Amino acid sequence: MLGFTPKHMGYYKMAFMHRSRIEELEQNNERLEFLGDAMLGAVVAEYLFKKYPYQPEGYLTEMRSRIVRRETLNNVALRMGLHKLVQYNQNDRGLSRSHIFGNALEALIGAVYLDQGFARTRRFVLEQVIRPYVDIELMENTDTNYKNKLLSWAQKNSRTVSCDTLDEKMDGSRKLFTIGIVLDGELVSSGTGFNKKEAGQVAAQKALEVLSIS
């Protein structure tokens, strides 16, 4: 998975320890997740800057957000098999449906940085994460604004759709939102995220699937 032999296994064990198992910050993966998020953003920004030499800042920003968004990272983490390594409270069924595996991927990147330095981290992100698991060309040509797509469909078909906040709760040091898509007064889907925009996009994507809107 890593492409190299770790020097300090403690970092990697911590990267896969979710707060639901150990609440102490010095033993769970939240701080590593913070560090890995910064490292991932830097590597992806450089990658896109070189890949698209003639694209403006706005385009690069949008592409970076698509790559590092929670849904993308969670999908990559699952395909990498990180769900088999993450230690979390499996009695909490909501956790397995959240983004804890994508968060663990960020924590893993943070662990690689502390263990190996930036050059190896950059290589790991590009060779073990981006190239095998992220289809940049497909992402480039896909409209990922699911909410706008749903609203456009509703307007064309004279349907009433809204995004309602169903729940807000703390997940560690961050607030976790649950947003529901309500169509003509009926809840058709819901999604969670660490901000309302992210949760709304997840819920809208599920609604498009439920309604068979392509």
C-alpha atoms as a PDB file:
ATOM      1  CA  MET A   1       0.000   0.000   0.000  1.00  0.00           C
ATOM      2  CA  LEU A   2       2.741   2.469   0.912  1.00  0.00           C
ATOM      3  CA  GLY A   3       5.437   1.523  -1.568  1.00  0.00           C
ATOM      4  CA  PHE A   4       8.104   1.685   1.135  1.00  0.00           C
ATOM      5  CA  THR A   5       8.940   0.264   4.562  1.00  0.00           C
ATOM      6  CA  PRO A   6       7.918   2.564   7.446  1.00  0.00           C
ATOM      7  CA  LYS A   7      10.487   3.675   9.987  1.00  0.00           C
ATOM      8  CA  HIS A   8       8.144   4.596  12.848  1.00  0.00           C
ATOM      9  CA  MET A   9       5.093   2.330  13.001  1.00  0.00           C
ATOM     10  CA  GLY A  10       3.536   4.357  15.804  1.00  0.00           C
ATOM     11  CA  TYR A  11       2.519   7.102  13.389  1.00  0.00           C
ATOM     12  CA  TYR A  12       0.665   4.627  11.184  1.00  0.00           C
ATOM     13  CA  LYS A  13      -1.097   2.918  14.077  1.00  0.00           C
ATOM     14  CA  MET A  14      -2.294   6.323  15.231  1.00  0.00           C
ATOM     15  CA  ALA A  15      -3.451   7.207  11.702  1.00  0.00           C
ATOM     16  CA  PHE A  16      -5.989   4.376  11.842  1.00  0.00           C
ATOM     17  CA  MET A  17      -7.251   5.061  15.376  1.00  0.00           C
ATOM     18  CA  HIS A  18     -10.605   6.880  15.263  1.00  0.00           C
ATOM     19  CA  ARG A  19     -11.780   9.023  18.162  1.00  0.00           C
ATOM     20  CA  SER A  20     -14.677   6.631  18.846  1.00  0.00           C
ATOM     21  CA  ARG A  21     -12.078   4.146  20.144  1.00  0.00           C
ATOM     22  CA  ILE A  22      -9.693   6.543  21.867  1.00  0.00           C
ATOM     23  CA  GLU A  23     -10.775  10.097  22.673  1.00  0.00           C
ATOM     24  CA  GLU A  24      -7.356  11.415  23.737  1.00  0.00           C
ATOM     25  CA  LEU A  25      -5.998  13.697  21.001  1.00  0.00           C
ATOM     26  CA  GLU A  26      -2.451  12.421  21.429  1.00  0.00           C
ATOM     27  CA  GLN A  27      -3.610   8.873  20.599  1.00  0.00           C
ATOM     28  CA  ASN A  28      -6.303   9.229  17.919  1.00  0.00           C
ATOM     29  CA  ASN A  29      -5.909  10.345  14.311  1.00  0.00           C
ATOM     30  CA  GLU A  30      -7.478  13.826  14.347  1.00  0.00           C
ATOM     31  CA  ARG A  31      -4.199  15.761  14.531  1.00  0.00           C
ATOM     32  CA  LEU A  32      -2.627  13.579  11.826  1.00  0.00           C
ATOM     33  CA  GLU A  33      -5.731  14.160   9.702  1.00  0.00           C
ATOM     34  CA  PHE A  34      -5.178  17.923  10.015  1.00  0.00           C
ATOM     35  CA  LEU A  35      -1.555  17.568   8.920  1.00  0.00           C
ATOM     36  CA  GLY A  36      -2.349  15.164   6.086  1.00  0.00           C
ATOM     37  CA  ASP A  37      -5.055  17.462   4.743  1.00  0.00           C
ATOM     38  CA  ALA A  38      -2.460  20.236   4.372  1.00  0.00           C
ATOM     39  CA  MET A  39       0.091  17.918   2.726  1.00  0.00           C
ATOM     40  CA  LEU A  40      -2.511  16.501   0.320  1.00  0.00           C
ATOM     41  CA  GLY A  41      -3.670  19.988  -0.662  1.00  0.00           C
ATOM     42  CA  ALA A  42      -0.111  21.089  -1.389  1.00  0.00           C
ATOM     43  CA  VAL A  43       0.733  18.028  -3.506  1.00  0.00           C
ATOM     44  CA  VAL A  44      -2.519  18.181  -5.483  1.00  0.00           C
ATOM     45  CA  ALA A  45      -2.095  21.924  -6.069  1.00  0.00           C
ATOM     46  CA  GLU A  46       1.403  21.405  -7.502  1.00  0.00           C
ATOM     47  CA  TYR A  47       0.214  18.444  -9.599  1.00  0.00           C
ATOM     48  CA  LEU A  48      -2.630  20.449 -11.154  1.00  0.00           C
ATOM     49  CA  PHE A  49      -0.440  23.535 -11.637  1.00  0.00           C
ATOM     50  CA  LYS A  50       1.941  21.484 -13.788  1.00  0.00           C
ATOM     51  CA  LYS A  51      -0.738  19.388 -15.519  1.00  0.00           C
ATOM     52  CA  TYR A  52      -2.761  22.420 -16.655  1.00  0.00           C
ATOM     53  CA  PRO A  53      -0.214  25.173 -17.441  1.00  0.00           C
ATOM     54  CA  TYR A  54      -2.733  27.376 -19.267  1.00  0.00           C
ATOM     55  CA  GLN A  55      -5.755  27.079 -16.992  1.00  0.00           C
ATOM     56  CA  PRO A  56      -6.712  29.993 -14.695  1.00  0.00           C
ATOM     57  CA  GLU A  57      -6.746  29.924 -10.904  1.00  0.00           C
ATOM     58  CA  GLY A  58     -10.493  29.315 -10.705  1.00  0.00           C
ATOM     59  CA  TYR A  59     -10.247  26.140 -12.799  1.00  0.00           C
ATOM     60  CA  LEU A  60      -7.346  24.794 -10.715  1.00  0.00           C
ATOM     61  CA  THR A  61      -9.216  25.560  -7.487  1.00  0.00           C
ATOM     62  CA  GLU A  62     -12.330  23.726  -8.695  1.00  0.00           C
ATOM     63  CA  MET A  63     -10.327  20.672  -9.785  1.00  0.00           C
ATOM     64  CA  ARG A  64      -8.448  20.565  -6.494  1.00  0.00           C
ATOM     65  CA  SER A  65     -11.714  20.732  -4.549  1.00  0.00           C
ATOM     66  CA  ARG A  66     -13.093  17.824  -6.575  1.00  0.00           C
ATOM     67  CA  ILE A  67     -10.046  15.677  -5.803  1.00  0.00           C
ATOM     68  CA  VAL A  68      -9.790  16.431  -2.073  1.00  0.00           C
ATOM     69  CA  ARG A  69     -13.529  16.512  -1.312  1.00  0.00           C
ATOM     70  CA  ARG A  70     -14.712  14.050   1.344  1.00  0.00           C
ATOM     71  CA  GLU A  71     -16.690  11.832  -1.041  1.00  0.00           C
ATOM     72  CA  THR A  72     -13.688  11.361  -3.342  1.00  0.00           C
ATOM     73  CA  LEU A  73     -11.271  10.619  -0.501  1.00  0.00           C
ATOM     74  CA  ASN A  74     -13.688   8.212   1.162  1.00  0.00           C
ATOM     75  CA  ASN A  75     -14.145   6.320  -2.102  1.00  0.00           C
ATOM     76  CA  VAL A  76     -10.375   6.140  -2.622  1.00  0.00           C
ATOM     77  CA  ALA A  77      -9.853   4.955   0.964  1.00  0.00           C
ATOM     78  CA  LEU A  78     -12.399   2.166   0.517  1.00  0.00           C
ATOM     79  CA  ARG A  79     -10.775   1.027  -2.722  1.00  0.00           C
ATOM     80  CA  MET A  80      -7.388   1.043  -0.988  1.00  0.00           C
ATOM     81  CA  GLY A  81      -8.822  -1.184   1.748  1.00  0.00           C
ATOM     82  CA  LEU A  82      -8.358   1.281   4.591  1.00  0.00           C
ATOM     83  CA  HIS A  83     -11.759   0.313   6.042  1.00  0.00           C
ATOM     84  CA  LYS A  84     -10.130  -2.978   7.064  1.00  0.00           C
ATOM     85  CA  LEU A  85      -7.483  -1.125   9.076  1.00  0.00           C
ATOM     86  CA  VAL A  86      -9.370   1.721  10.767  1.00  0.00           C
ATOM     87  CA  GLN A  87     -10.094   1.112  14.445  1.00  0.00           C
ATOM     88  CA  TYR A  88     -13.492   2.585  15.356  1.00  0.00           C
ATOM     89  CA  ASN A  89     -16.623   1.807  17.339  1.00  0.00           C
ATOM     90  CA  GLN A  90     -18.347  -0.619  14.992  1.00  0.00           C
ATOM     91  CA  ASN A  91     -21.487  -0.577  17.153  1.00  0.00           C
ATOM     92  CA  ASP A  92     -22.113   2.942  15.839  1.00  0.00           C
ATOM     93  CA  ARG A  93     -23.512   2.096  12.417  1.00  0.00           C
ATOM     94  CA  GLY A  94     -23.549   5.738  11.375  1.00  0.00           C
ATOM     95  CA  LEU A  95     -19.746   5.879  11.514  1.00  0.00           C
ATOM     96  CA  SER A  96     -19.291   3.257   8.795  1.00  0.00           C
ATOM     97  CA  ARG A  97     -21.508   5.351   6.507  1.00  0.00           C
ATOM     98  CA  SER A  98     -19.657   8.601   7.252  1.00  0.00           C
ATOM     99  CA  HIS A  99     -16.315   9.838   5.925  1.00  0.00           C
ATOM    100  CA  ILE A 100     -14.062   8.329   8.599  1.00  0.00           C
ATOM    101  CA  PHE A 101     -12.151   6.258   6.034  1.00  0.00           C
ATOM    102  CA  GLY A 102     -11.378   9.288   3.890  1.00  0.00           C
ATOM    103  CA  ASN A 103     -10.315  11.075   7.070  1.00  0.00           C
ATOM    104  CA  ALA A 104      -8.046   8.126   7.874  1.00  0.00           C
ATOM    105  CA  LEU A 105      -6.480   8.463   4.419  1.00  0.00           C
ATOM    106  CA  GLU A 106      -5.588  12.059   5.258  1.00  0.00           C
ATOM    107  CA  ALA A 107      -4.203  10.898   8.605  1.00  0.00           C
ATOM    108  CA  LEU A 108      -2.148   8.269   6.768  1.00  0.00           C
ATOM    109  CA  ILE A 109      -0.679  10.995   4.548  1.00  0.00           C
ATOM    110  CA  GLY A 110       0.187  12.923   7.703  1.00  0.00           C
ATOM    111  CA  ALA A 111       1.890   9.825   9.110  1.00  0.00           C
ATOM    112  CA  VAL A 112       3.918   9.389   5.925  1.00  0.00           C
ATOM    113  CA  TYR A 113       5.045  13.017   6.162  1.00  0.00           C
ATOM    114  CA  LEU A 114       6.210  12.679   9.777  1.00  0.00           C
ATOM    115  CA  ASP A 115       7.901   9.355   9.047  1.00  0.00           C
ATOM    116  CA  GLN A 116       9.464  10.062   5.651  1.00  0.00           C
ATOM    117  CA  GLY A 117       9.392  13.799   4.899  1.00  0.00           C
ATOM    118  CA  PHE A 118       7.747  15.800   2.122  1.00  0.00           C
ATOM    119  CA  ALA A 119       9.484  14.277  -0.922  1.00  0.00           C
ATOM    120  CA  ARG A 120       8.356  10.752  -0.041  1.00  0.00           C
ATOM    121  CA  THR A 121       4.891  12.054   0.880  1.00  0.00           C
ATOM    122  CA  ARG A 122       4.585  13.706  -2.523  1.00  0.00           C
ATOM    123  CA  ARG A 123       5.581  10.456  -4.231  1.00  0.00           C
ATOM    124  CA  PHE A 124       3.143   8.454  -2.099  1.00  0.00           C
ATOM    125  CA  VAL A 125       0.209  10.764  -2.896  1.00  0.00           C
ATOM    126  CA  LEU A 126       0.941  10.785  -6.626  1.00  0.00           C
ATOM    127  CA  GLU A 127       1.927   7.135  -7.130  1.00  0.00           C
ATOM    128  CA  GLN A 128      -0.164   5.314  -4.535  1.00  0.00           C
ATOM    129  CA  VAL A 129      -3.269   7.515  -4.338  1.00  0.00           C
ATOM    130  CA  ILE A 130      -3.875   9.868  -7.294  1.00  0.00           C
ATOM    131  CA  ARG A 131      -2.706   7.844 -10.298  1.00  0.00           C
ATOM    132  CA  PRO A 132      -4.214   4.455  -9.364  1.00  0.00           C
ATOM    133  CA  TYR A 133      -7.489   5.673  -7.846  1.00  0.00           C
ATOM    134  CA  VAL A 134      -8.411   9.134  -9.190  1.00  0.00           C
ATOM    135  CA  ASP A 135      -9.543   9.478 -12.817  1.00  0.00           C
ATOM    136  CA  ILE A 136      -8.574  13.090 -13.446  1.00  0.00           C
ATOM    137  CA  GLU A 137      -9.873  13.164 -17.024  1.00  0.00           C
ATOM    138  CA  LEU A 138     -13.266  11.767 -16.015  1.00  0.00           C
ATOM    139  CA  MET A 139     -13.437  14.177 -13.105  1.00  0.00           C
ATOM    140  CA  GLU A 140     -12.536  17.035 -15.437  1.00  0.00           C
ATOM    141  CA  ASN A 141     -15.487  16.264 -17.708  1.00  0.00           C
ATOM    142  CA  THR A 142     -18.045  15.461 -15.008  1.00  0.00           C
ATOM    143  CA  ASP A 143     -20.411  17.983 -13.508  1.00  0.00           C
ATOM    144  CA  THR A 144     -20.202  17.260  -9.793  1.00  0.00           C
ATOM    145  CA  ASN A 145     -22.612  19.993  -8.725  1.00  0.00           C
ATOM    146  CA  TYR A 146     -25.382  17.531  -7.967  1.00  0.00           C
ATOM    147  CA  LYS A 147     -27.515  20.116  -6.193  1.00  0.00           C
ATOM    148  CA  ASN A 148     -27.658  22.409  -9.229  1.00  0.00           C
ATOM    149  CA  LYS A 149     -28.471  19.435 -11.452  1.00  0.00           C
ATOM    150  CA  LEU A 150     -31.339  18.426  -9.160  1.00  0.00           C
ATOM    151  CA  LEU A 151     -32.709  21.970  -8.932  1.00  0.00           C
ATOM    152  CA  SER A 152     -32.580  22.316 -12.717  1.00  0.00           C
ATOM    153  CA  TRP A 153     -34.505  19.037 -13.130  1.00  0.00           C
ATOM    154  CA  ALA A 154     -37.122  20.129 -10.586  1.00  0.00           C
ATOM    155  CA  GLN A 155     -37.636  23.467 -12.324  1.00  0.00           C
ATOM    156  CA  LYS A 156     -38.075  21.817 -15.731  1.00  0.00           C
ATOM    157  CA  ASN A 157     -40.583  19.321 -14.335  1.00  0.00           C
ATOM    158  CA  SER A 158     -42.523  21.776 -12.145  1.00  0.00           C
ATOM    159  CA  ARG A 159     -41.502  19.993  -8.932  1.00  0.00           C
ATOM    160  CA  THR A 160     -40.749  21.600  -5.594  1.00  0.00           C
ATOM    161  CA  VAL A 161     -37.414  20.634  -4.039  1.00  0.00           C
ATOM    162  CA  SER A 162     -35.612  21.889  -0.944  1.00  0.00           C
ATOM    163  CA  CYS A 163     -32.528  21.054   1.128  1.00  0.00           C
ATOM    164  CA  ASP A 164     -33.445  20.849   4.807  1.00  0.00           C
ATOM    165  CA  THR A 165     -31.135  20.482   7.797  1.00  0.00           C
ATOM    166  CA  LEU A 166     -32.161  17.268   9.561  1.00  0.00           C
ATOM    167  CA  ASP A 167     -29.482  17.083  12.226  1.00  0.00           C
ATOM    168  CA  GLU A 168     -26.416  18.817  13.641  1.00  0.00           C
ATOM    169  CA  LYS A 169     -24.074  17.090  16.086  1.00  0.00           C
ATOM    170  CA  MET A 170     -20.481  17.215  17.191  1.00  0.00           C
ATOM    171  CA  ASP A 171     -18.063  14.611  15.816  1.00  0.00           C
ATOM    172  CA  GLY A 172     -14.963  15.138  17.865  1.00  0.00           C
ATOM    173  CA  SER A 173     -13.963  18.783  17.509  1.00  0.00           C
ATOM    174  CA  ARG A 174     -16.075  19.350  14.380  1.00  0.00           C
ATOM    175  CA  LYS A 175     -19.778  19.674  13.700  1.00  0.00           C
ATOM    176  CA  LEU A 176     -21.379  16.999  11.499  1.00  0.00           C
ATOM    177  CA  PHE A 177     -24.437  18.026   9.468  1.00  0.00           C
ATOM    178  CA  THR A 178     -27.197  15.860   7.994  1.00  0.00           C
ATOM    179  CA  ILE A 179     -29.070  17.447   5.088  1.00  0.00           C
ATOM    180  CA  GLY A 180     -32.238  15.994   3.565  1.00  0.00           C
ATOM    181  CA  ILE A 181     -33.594  16.448   0.043  1.00  0.00           C
ATOM    182  CA  VAL A 182     -37.339  17.059   0.219  1.00  0.00           C
ATOM    183  CA  LEU A 183     -39.267  16.653  -3.044  1.00  0.00           C
ATOM    184  CA  ASP A 184     -42.874  17.845  -3.074  1.00  0.00           C
ATOM    185  CA  GLY A 185     -42.941  17.580   0.717  1.00  0.00           C
ATOM    186  CA  GLU A 186     -41.460  14.065   0.848  1.00  0.00           C
ATOM    187  CA  LEU A 187     -37.945  13.192   2.050  1.00  0.00           C
ATOM    188  CA  VAL A 188     -36.196  11.257  -0.733  1.00  0.00           C
ATOM    189  CA  SER A 189     -32.581  11.179   0.490  1.00  0.00           C
ATOM    190  CA  SER A 190     -30.138  12.460   3.085  1.00  0.00           C
ATOM    191  CA  GLY A 191     -26.404  13.034   3.336  1.00  0.00           C
ATOM    192  CA  THR A 192     -23.847  13.937   5.973  1.00  0.00           C
ATOM    193  CA  GLY A 193     -20.813  16.203   5.889  1.00  0.00           C
ATOM    194  CA  PHE A 194     -18.692  18.548   7.955  1.00  0.00           C
ATOM    195  CA  ASN A 195     -20.414  21.556   6.379  1.00  0.00           C
ATOM    196  CA  LYS A 196     -23.889  22.034   4.954  1.00  0.00           C
ATOM    197  CA  LYS A 197     -22.677  22.429   1.371  1.00  0.00           C
ATOM    198  CA  GLU A 198     -20.841  19.105   1.448  1.00  0.00           C
ATOM    199  CA  ALA A 199     -23.778  17.311   3.107  1.00  0.00           C
ATOM    200  CA  GLY A 200     -26.172  18.860   0.591  1.00  0.00           C
ATOM    201  CA  GLN A 201     -24.092  17.605  -2.335  1.00  0.00           C
ATOM    202  CA  VAL A 202     -24.075  14.065  -0.916  1.00  0.00           C
ATOM    203  CA  ALA A 203     -27.836  14.168  -0.378  1.00  0.00           C
ATOM    204  CA  ALA A 204     -28.444  15.592  -3.864  1.00  0.00           C
ATOM    205  CA  GLN A 205     -26.284  12.880  -5.465  1.00  0.00           C
ATOM    206  CA  LYS A 206     -28.323  10.199  -3.679  1.00  0.00           C
ATOM    207  CA  ALA A 207     -31.566  11.906  -4.755  1.00  0.00           C
ATOM    208  CA  LEU A 208     -30.462  11.837  -8.401  1.00  0.00           C
ATOM    209  CA  GLU A 209     -29.861   8.105  -8.056  1.00  0.00           C
ATOM    210  CA  VAL A 210     -33.222   7.486  -6.359  1.00  0.00           C
ATOM    211  CA  LEU A 211     -35.051   9.486  -9.034  1.00  0.00           C
ATOM    212  CA  SER A 212     -32.994   7.871 -11.854  1.00  0.00           C
ATOM    213  CA  ILE A 213     -31.872  11.275 -13.145  1.00  0.00           C
ATOM    214  CA  SER A 214     -28.757  10.936 -15.304  1.00  0.00           C
END
